[in-house]
Protein backbone atom coordinates (compact mmCIF):
# COMPACT_ATOMS: atom_id res chain seq x y z
CA MET A 1 -33.57 12.38 19.39
CA ARG A 2 -35.24 12.08 16.00
CA ARG A 3 -34.42 15.72 15.20
CA GLU A 4 -30.76 15.20 16.20
CA ARG A 5 -30.50 12.07 14.10
CA THR A 6 -31.98 13.86 11.07
CA SER A 7 -29.50 16.68 11.56
CA LEU A 8 -26.60 14.24 11.73
CA MET A 9 -27.79 12.50 8.59
CA ARG A 10 -28.01 15.87 6.81
CA ASP A 11 -24.47 16.77 7.98
CA TRP A 12 -23.17 13.38 6.85
CA ALA A 13 -24.77 13.82 3.42
CA GLY A 14 -23.14 17.23 3.14
CA ILE A 15 -19.73 15.81 4.03
CA CYS A 16 -20.11 13.02 1.49
CA LEU A 17 -21.19 15.47 -1.21
CA VAL A 18 -18.20 17.72 -0.54
CA SER A 19 -15.90 14.69 -0.58
CA LEU A 20 -17.37 13.54 -3.87
CA LEU A 21 -17.09 16.97 -5.46
CA CYS A 22 -13.49 17.30 -4.31
CA ALA A 23 -12.64 13.87 -5.72
CA VAL A 24 -13.98 14.66 -9.19
CA PRO A 25 -11.60 16.85 -11.23
CA CYS A 26 -13.12 20.08 -12.56
CA TYR A 27 -12.13 21.00 -16.11
CA GLY A 28 -13.74 21.87 -19.41
CA ALA A 29 -14.50 19.25 -22.04
CA ASP A 30 -11.73 20.58 -24.29
CA ASP A 31 -9.15 21.19 -21.55
CA LEU A 32 -6.13 19.03 -20.82
CA ALA A 33 -6.23 17.83 -17.20
CA ILE A 34 -4.36 15.59 -14.79
CA ILE A 35 -6.91 12.99 -13.63
CA ALA A 36 -4.59 10.83 -11.48
CA GLY A 37 -1.56 11.95 -9.58
CA PRO A 38 1.11 12.93 -9.58
CA TYR A 39 2.14 10.01 -7.40
CA LEU A 40 5.50 8.57 -6.43
CA GLN A 41 6.60 4.97 -6.74
CA TYR A 42 9.52 2.55 -6.32
CA PRO A 43 12.25 4.69 -4.72
CA THR A 44 15.95 3.85 -4.55
CA GLU A 45 18.86 5.71 -2.96
CA THR A 46 19.56 7.56 -6.22
CA THR A 47 16.28 7.48 -8.17
CA MET A 48 12.61 8.34 -7.81
CA THR A 49 9.81 7.49 -10.22
CA VAL A 50 6.77 9.74 -10.63
CA GLY A 51 3.58 8.87 -12.50
CA TRP A 52 0.42 10.70 -13.52
CA GLU A 53 -2.48 10.35 -15.94
CA THR A 54 -4.03 12.92 -18.26
CA ASN A 55 -7.51 12.86 -19.74
CA ARG A 56 -6.11 12.74 -23.28
CA PRO A 57 -2.77 11.94 -24.95
CA ALA A 58 -0.12 14.55 -24.22
CA SER A 59 3.59 15.07 -23.60
CA THR A 60 5.42 13.74 -20.53
CA GLU A 61 7.56 16.24 -18.60
CA ALA A 62 8.67 16.28 -14.95
CA ALA A 63 11.10 18.39 -12.98
CA GLN A 64 12.99 17.96 -9.71
CA GLY A 65 15.48 20.00 -7.74
CA PRO A 66 16.79 21.01 -4.30
CA GLY A 67 14.62 24.12 -4.27
CA ALA A 68 11.40 25.44 -5.78
CA GLY A 69 13.36 27.76 -8.06
CA VAL A 70 16.04 25.22 -9.01
CA LEU A 71 14.21 22.57 -11.02
CA THR A 72 15.62 20.45 -13.82
CA TRP A 73 13.08 19.20 -16.36
CA VAL A 74 13.15 15.69 -17.81
CA THR A 75 11.16 14.66 -20.89
CA GLY A 76 9.51 11.26 -21.27
CA GLU A 77 7.45 9.65 -24.02
CA ASP A 78 5.15 11.85 -26.07
CA ASN A 79 1.46 11.33 -26.89
CA GLN A 80 0.65 9.36 -23.71
CA GLU A 81 -2.22 9.28 -21.24
CA PHE A 82 -0.29 7.33 -18.58
CA HIS A 83 2.96 9.15 -17.86
CA THR A 84 6.11 7.94 -16.11
CA VAL A 85 9.42 9.70 -15.45
CA THR A 86 12.33 8.42 -13.37
CA PHE A 87 14.62 11.02 -11.82
CA GLU A 88 18.19 9.71 -11.69
CA GLY A 89 21.51 10.70 -10.13
CA LEU A 90 19.95 11.83 -6.84
CA GLU A 91 21.49 11.88 -3.35
CA PRO A 92 20.68 9.06 -0.88
CA GLY A 93 18.16 10.30 1.66
CA GLY A 94 17.98 13.58 -0.23
CA ASN A 95 15.07 16.02 0.01
CA TYR A 96 13.71 17.29 -3.31
CA PHE A 97 10.93 19.36 -4.83
CA TYR A 98 9.11 18.24 -7.97
CA LYS A 99 6.26 18.98 -10.34
CA VAL A 100 4.91 17.49 -13.58
CA ARG A 101 3.32 18.91 -16.72
CA SER A 102 1.86 17.74 -20.00
CA ARG A 103 1.13 19.54 -23.24
CA SER A 104 -1.24 18.93 -26.13
CA LYS A 105 -1.41 20.94 -29.35
CA LYS A 106 -5.20 20.83 -29.29
CA ALA A 107 -5.92 20.98 -25.54
CA GLY A 108 -3.21 23.23 -24.17
CA GLU A 109 -0.98 22.64 -21.13
CA VAL A 110 -1.50 21.44 -17.58
CA GLU A 111 1.01 21.66 -14.74
CA SER A 112 0.79 20.20 -11.25
CA GLU A 113 1.40 21.90 -7.95
CA LEU A 114 4.88 21.78 -6.44
CA TYR A 115 5.38 18.67 -4.27
CA THR A 116 8.25 17.12 -2.32
CA PHE A 117 9.91 13.71 -2.07
CA GLN A 118 12.83 12.02 -0.34
CA THR A 119 15.03 9.35 -1.88
CA ALA A 120 15.66 6.07 -0.05
CA VAL A 121 17.89 6.27 2.99
CA ALA A 122 21.27 4.55 3.27
CA ALA A 123 21.29 0.95 4.48
CA ASP A 124 22.17 1.81 8.09
CA ALA A 125 19.77 4.75 8.52
CA PRO A 126 16.44 4.56 10.40
CA PHE A 127 13.21 4.90 8.43
CA SER A 128 9.45 4.44 8.69
CA PHE A 129 6.68 3.25 6.39
CA ILE A 130 2.92 2.90 6.25
CA MET A 131 1.23 -0.47 5.78
CA ILE A 132 -2.42 -0.42 4.70
CA GLY A 133 -4.74 -2.77 2.82
CA ASP A 134 -8.15 -2.95 1.15
CA THR A 135 -8.66 0.72 0.36
CA GLN A 136 -11.34 -0.52 -2.03
CA SER A 137 -14.34 1.50 -0.81
CA ASN A 138 -15.48 4.04 1.77
CA PRO A 139 -13.59 7.05 0.36
CA ARG A 140 -14.15 9.16 3.47
CA ASN A 141 -12.11 6.75 5.60
CA VAL A 142 -9.44 6.30 2.94
CA ALA A 143 -8.97 10.07 2.63
CA ALA A 144 -8.85 10.48 6.40
CA GLN A 145 -6.26 7.75 6.78
CA ALA A 146 -4.14 9.13 3.94
CA ARG A 147 -4.07 12.52 5.66
CA LYS A 148 -3.25 10.99 9.06
CA ALA A 149 -0.57 8.77 7.58
CA TRP A 150 1.06 11.76 5.86
CA GLU A 151 1.11 13.59 9.20
CA GLN A 152 3.42 10.81 10.42
CA ARG A 153 5.88 11.74 7.61
CA PRO A 154 6.69 8.16 6.52
CA HIS A 155 9.26 7.33 3.86
CA PHE A 156 6.91 5.16 1.75
CA THR A 157 3.57 3.32 1.75
CA VAL A 158 2.75 -0.33 1.04
CA VAL A 159 -0.81 -1.31 0.02
CA VAL A 160 -1.38 -5.06 0.40
CA GLY A 161 -4.02 -5.46 -2.30
CA ASP A 162 -7.59 -4.54 -3.16
CA LEU A 163 -6.69 -0.99 -4.02
CA VAL A 164 -10.17 -0.69 -5.57
CA SER A 165 -13.42 -2.66 -5.43
CA ASP A 166 -13.31 -3.66 -9.09
CA GLY A 167 -10.06 -3.11 -10.92
CA ARG A 168 -11.81 -3.31 -14.30
CA LYS A 169 -13.72 -0.08 -13.61
CA LYS A 170 -11.60 2.89 -14.56
CA GLU A 171 -13.56 5.42 -12.52
CA GLN A 172 -12.66 3.60 -9.29
CA TRP A 173 -8.97 4.15 -9.90
CA ASN A 174 -9.47 7.85 -10.69
CA ASP A 175 -12.31 8.98 -8.44
CA HIS A 176 -11.61 6.74 -5.48
CA PHE A 177 -8.06 5.43 -5.13
CA PHE A 178 -5.88 8.19 -6.57
CA ALA A 179 -8.19 11.06 -5.56
CA ASN A 180 -8.35 10.00 -1.90
CA MET A 181 -4.79 8.71 -1.49
CA GLN A 182 -3.34 11.85 -3.09
CA PRO A 183 -2.32 13.61 0.17
CA LEU A 184 -0.04 10.67 0.92
CA ILE A 185 1.21 9.21 -2.37
CA SER A 186 2.01 12.60 -3.92
CA ARG A 187 4.65 12.94 -1.18
CA VAL A 188 5.80 9.39 -0.39
CA PRO A 189 6.24 6.48 -2.83
CA LEU A 190 3.61 3.78 -3.20
CA ILE A 191 4.49 0.06 -3.23
CA PRO A 192 1.40 -1.86 -4.46
CA CYS A 193 0.36 -5.50 -4.23
CA LEU A 194 -2.40 -7.15 -6.28
CA GLY A 195 -5.58 -8.30 -4.54
CA ASN A 196 -8.55 -10.30 -5.79
CA HIS A 197 -10.70 -7.18 -6.28
CA ASP A 198 -8.01 -5.60 -8.45
CA GLU A 199 -8.84 -8.34 -10.98
CA ASP A 200 -5.29 -8.37 -12.40
CA SER A 201 -6.58 -5.38 -14.37
CA ARG A 202 -4.58 -3.74 -17.12
CA TYR A 203 -5.00 -0.47 -15.22
CA TYR A 204 -2.71 -1.80 -12.48
CA TYR A 205 0.00 -2.26 -15.09
CA ASP A 206 -0.77 1.09 -16.76
CA TYR A 207 -0.46 3.04 -13.53
CA PHE A 208 2.56 1.40 -11.93
CA ALA A 209 6.16 1.04 -13.12
CA LEU A 210 7.48 -1.99 -11.23
CA PRO A 211 10.11 -4.66 -11.88
CA ASP A 212 8.90 -7.33 -14.31
CA PRO A 213 6.55 -9.14 -14.21
CA GLU A 214 5.03 -6.58 -11.78
CA TYR A 215 2.58 -8.98 -10.12
CA ARG A 216 5.56 -10.23 -8.10
CA TYR A 217 8.77 -8.35 -7.38
CA THR A 218 11.24 -7.33 -4.69
CA PHE A 219 11.75 -3.93 -3.13
CA SER A 220 14.61 -2.93 -0.84
CA TYR A 221 14.77 0.03 1.50
CA GLY A 222 17.43 0.66 4.13
CA ASN A 223 18.22 -2.64 5.83
CA THR A 224 14.88 -4.22 4.85
CA ALA A 225 13.80 -6.31 1.86
CA PHE A 226 10.17 -6.69 0.76
CA PHE A 227 8.95 -9.62 -1.34
CA ILE A 228 5.61 -8.98 -3.06
CA ILE A 229 3.59 -11.86 -4.54
CA ASP A 230 0.10 -12.33 -6.01
CA THR A 231 -2.18 -14.74 -4.15
CA GLN A 232 -4.59 -14.92 -7.09
CA ARG A 233 -1.90 -16.88 -8.95
CA PRO A 234 -0.63 -20.32 -7.86
CA VAL A 235 1.70 -20.39 -4.84
CA ASP A 236 1.99 -24.14 -4.30
CA PRO A 237 5.48 -25.76 -4.22
CA ASP A 238 5.32 -26.52 -7.96
CA SER A 239 4.38 -22.96 -8.93
CA GLU A 240 6.48 -20.28 -10.58
CA GLN A 241 5.92 -17.86 -7.70
CA TYR A 242 7.02 -20.40 -5.07
CA THR A 243 10.23 -21.11 -6.98
CA TRP A 244 10.90 -17.40 -7.48
CA LEU A 245 10.27 -16.57 -3.81
CA ASP A 246 12.54 -19.40 -2.67
CA GLY A 247 15.38 -18.00 -4.79
CA ALA A 248 14.76 -14.35 -3.94
CA LEU A 249 14.69 -15.03 -0.20
CA ALA A 250 17.84 -17.14 -0.42
CA GLU A 251 19.74 -14.34 -2.17
CA SER A 252 18.72 -11.65 0.30
CA THR A 253 21.16 -10.53 2.99
CA ALA A 254 18.77 -7.91 4.44
CA THR A 255 18.48 -7.52 8.21
CA TRP A 256 14.69 -7.63 7.95
CA LYS A 257 12.68 -9.71 5.48
CA ILE A 258 9.00 -8.94 4.93
CA VAL A 259 6.67 -10.81 2.56
CA CYS A 260 3.62 -8.89 1.30
CA LEU A 261 0.62 -10.67 -0.21
CA HIS A 262 -3.11 -10.18 -0.20
CA LYS A 263 -4.75 -13.26 1.34
CA ALA A 264 -4.19 -14.61 4.85
CA ALA A 265 -2.69 -17.95 5.83
CA TYR A 266 -3.86 -17.40 9.42
CA SER A 267 -7.07 -15.58 10.31
CA SER A 268 -9.75 -15.57 13.01
CA ASP A 269 -12.36 -14.03 10.70
CA GLU A 270 -15.97 -15.00 11.37
CA ASN A 271 -17.00 -16.10 7.87
CA ASP A 272 -14.20 -16.18 5.27
CA PHE A 273 -12.97 -19.61 6.33
CA GLY A 274 -16.18 -21.22 7.54
CA ASP A 275 -19.46 -19.72 8.72
CA THR A 276 -18.86 -19.56 12.46
CA THR A 277 -22.58 -19.26 13.18
CA LYS A 278 -22.93 -22.87 11.99
CA GLU A 279 -19.48 -24.51 11.98
CA ARG A 280 -15.92 -24.24 13.19
CA SER A 281 -13.53 -21.86 11.48
CA GLY A 282 -10.75 -22.99 9.16
CA PHE A 283 -8.61 -20.20 10.63
CA GLY A 284 -7.16 -18.99 7.35
CA ASP A 285 -6.34 -19.93 3.77
CA HIS A 286 -4.63 -23.32 4.05
CA ARG A 287 -3.44 -23.05 0.45
CA LEU A 288 -1.03 -20.32 1.56
CA ARG A 289 0.43 -22.26 4.45
CA ALA A 290 2.71 -24.11 2.05
CA LEU A 291 4.69 -20.87 1.86
CA SER A 292 5.42 -21.01 5.58
CA ALA A 293 8.18 -23.55 4.94
CA LEU A 294 9.96 -20.92 2.84
CA TYR A 295 9.47 -18.24 5.46
CA GLU A 296 10.98 -20.39 8.18
CA LYS A 297 13.76 -21.69 5.93
CA HIS A 298 14.94 -18.21 4.94
CA GLY A 299 14.31 -16.25 8.13
CA VAL A 300 11.32 -14.15 7.10
CA ASP A 301 10.35 -11.86 9.97
CA ILE A 302 6.85 -10.68 9.00
CA VAL A 303 4.21 -11.82 6.50
CA TRP A 304 1.81 -8.94 5.82
CA CYS A 305 -1.56 -9.30 4.14
CA GLY A 306 -5.04 -7.80 3.83
CA HIS A 307 -8.20 -9.37 2.36
CA ILE A 308 -9.88 -9.68 5.78
CA HIS A 309 -11.31 -6.25 6.60
CA SER A 310 -10.00 -6.15 10.15
CA TYR A 311 -6.71 -6.21 12.05
CA GLU A 312 -4.96 -9.27 13.40
CA ARG A 313 -1.48 -9.91 14.73
CA THR A 314 -0.35 -13.43 15.51
CA TYR A 315 2.21 -14.61 17.98
CA PRO A 316 5.48 -15.59 16.28
CA MET A 317 4.81 -18.89 14.53
CA VAL A 318 6.88 -21.98 13.67
CA GLN A 319 5.33 -25.01 11.96
CA GLY A 320 1.86 -23.68 12.62
CA LYS A 321 2.30 -23.13 16.35
CA PRO A 322 3.06 -20.07 18.49
CA VAL A 323 6.59 -19.87 19.88
CA ALA A 324 8.20 -17.69 22.54
CA ASP A 325 11.34 -16.84 20.55
CA GLY A 326 12.02 -16.39 16.85
CA GLY A 327 9.35 -17.48 14.40
CA VAL A 328 7.33 -15.61 11.80
CA LEU A 329 4.84 -12.86 12.65
CA TYR A 330 1.66 -12.91 10.52
CA MET A 331 -0.16 -9.57 10.20
CA ILE A 332 -3.57 -8.71 8.71
CA THR A 333 -3.98 -5.01 7.92
CA GLY A 334 -7.18 -5.00 5.88
CA GLY A 335 -8.95 -1.98 7.33
CA GLY A 336 -8.05 0.58 4.68
CA GLY A 337 -11.60 1.32 3.60
CA GLY A 338 -13.73 -1.72 2.76
CA GLY A 339 -16.79 -2.82 4.76
CA LEU A 340 -15.60 -4.08 8.13
CA GLU A 341 -15.46 -7.67 9.33
CA LYS A 342 -14.90 -9.14 12.76
CA ALA A 343 -13.43 -12.22 14.40
CA GLY A 344 -15.36 -15.41 15.01
CA PRO A 345 -16.68 -16.42 18.46
CA TRP A 346 -13.53 -18.29 19.49
CA ARG A 347 -10.07 -16.96 20.17
CA SER A 348 -7.67 -18.75 17.85
CA PRO A 349 -4.54 -20.39 19.28
CA PHE A 350 -2.29 -18.02 17.31
CA THR A 351 -3.96 -14.63 17.94
CA ALA A 352 -2.05 -12.02 19.93
CA LYS A 353 -4.32 -9.09 18.96
CA VAL A 354 -7.52 -8.77 16.93
CA TYR A 355 -9.47 -5.58 16.21
CA SER A 356 -12.43 -4.65 14.01
CA GLY A 357 -12.14 -1.14 12.64
CA HIS A 358 -10.61 0.92 9.87
CA HIS A 359 -6.90 1.39 10.42
CA TYR A 360 -3.36 1.60 9.08
CA CYS A 361 0.03 0.64 10.52
CA LEU A 362 3.11 2.79 11.00
CA VAL A 363 6.34 0.80 11.08
CA ASN A 364 9.61 2.24 12.39
CA VAL A 365 12.86 0.43 11.57
CA HIS A 366 16.15 1.33 13.27
CA GLY A 367 18.91 -1.20 12.79
CA PRO A 368 18.03 -4.36 14.74
CA ALA A 369 14.77 -2.90 16.10
CA LEU A 370 11.40 -2.86 14.32
CA ARG A 371 8.30 -1.32 15.91
CA ILE A 372 4.73 -1.68 14.57
CA GLU A 373 2.04 0.81 15.64
CA ALA A 374 -1.60 0.45 14.55
CA TYR A 375 -3.81 3.56 14.26
CA THR A 376 -7.47 4.38 13.63
CA PRO A 377 -8.44 7.04 11.04
CA ALA A 378 -8.84 9.46 13.96
CA GLY A 379 -5.23 8.85 14.95
CA TYR A 380 -5.77 6.66 18.03
CA LEU A 381 -3.14 4.01 18.74
CA PHE A 382 -4.74 0.62 19.45
CA ASP A 383 -1.84 -1.83 19.16
CA PHE A 384 1.93 -1.89 19.06
CA VAL A 385 4.68 -4.47 19.13
CA GLU A 386 8.47 -4.23 18.93
CA ILE A 387 10.79 -6.90 17.57
CA ARG A 388 14.54 -6.94 18.14
CA LYS A 389 17.34 -8.98 16.65
CA GLY A 390 20.48 -10.06 18.48
CA ASP A 391 21.29 -9.56 22.15
């Protein structure tokens, strides 16, 4: 047994070394290189935005087209390290090829591989998306989940905060997040949400091109509207975010309304809301429960968060209690990569499913039907639920 264990440890070390070497870009000190991306973000029916980062200031050029040999180049701002181009005038639900390149007089030229993307579908068309949170560490699991998620061929990906362990450290964005999420976000757009570990870092704002003020915004896709807010900022009834969310939800006529934020109003975690080895649990962040009045007032269907490094799905909730019909579903999808947590010793009154393990969710939306499937990095389904509207 000792010999087998040593062999496994040696194999594991080899895997980690290969993963690390693959995550670190290889280029000469004087060469121009792409060190993040390309990655897609914020799709609409007629536009797609692509971003990438180079290791030194350079030009911004990107091309798209219906075939590998039919690409139209677009030029962005010159002398940049963080590059953004928005392709416009595209077909709804259209399939496209794209690539990016940058040039520097002193360091030469770098061009990406050829990738693909699809614009947002029309309002009545079915679609799917990935929901994942807390990709902050454990690159091996993040990379595995990104590959598995891409195998599902989703239309976009939402990350509910804590993209990295410390948003102030540049190398974590390059060598961990973008390097390991690349198989997924080079093909499908990324919709990010700020978490506490992201530290409201300037890198978040450098990398992503989102509606102002970027820490909170709306995103629409098909018949669904997403409302992204920052739980590190105030969310009480007197706050700017509360007022904004109240108005944004009121204006929405979407079939499905989903709020995305990092921290959890309801949670069975063993130690985030009271040390359950010594005391009873608080069962979630009570500060965030003030938002529940808005959810119920405006017909929010799902509130999705991370922060807790586990999975939890509540029963539909109204005024803090489970209900048989209607209500708001609260989801924790915090198993993207961080060190795992588990539930406390009691089953909470609102828990429908709890699971400790790395995971992501695949969500399929088709008109009045929405189905959530939860998967491990190995691709095993461990939970699913379907919600329907109308008769």
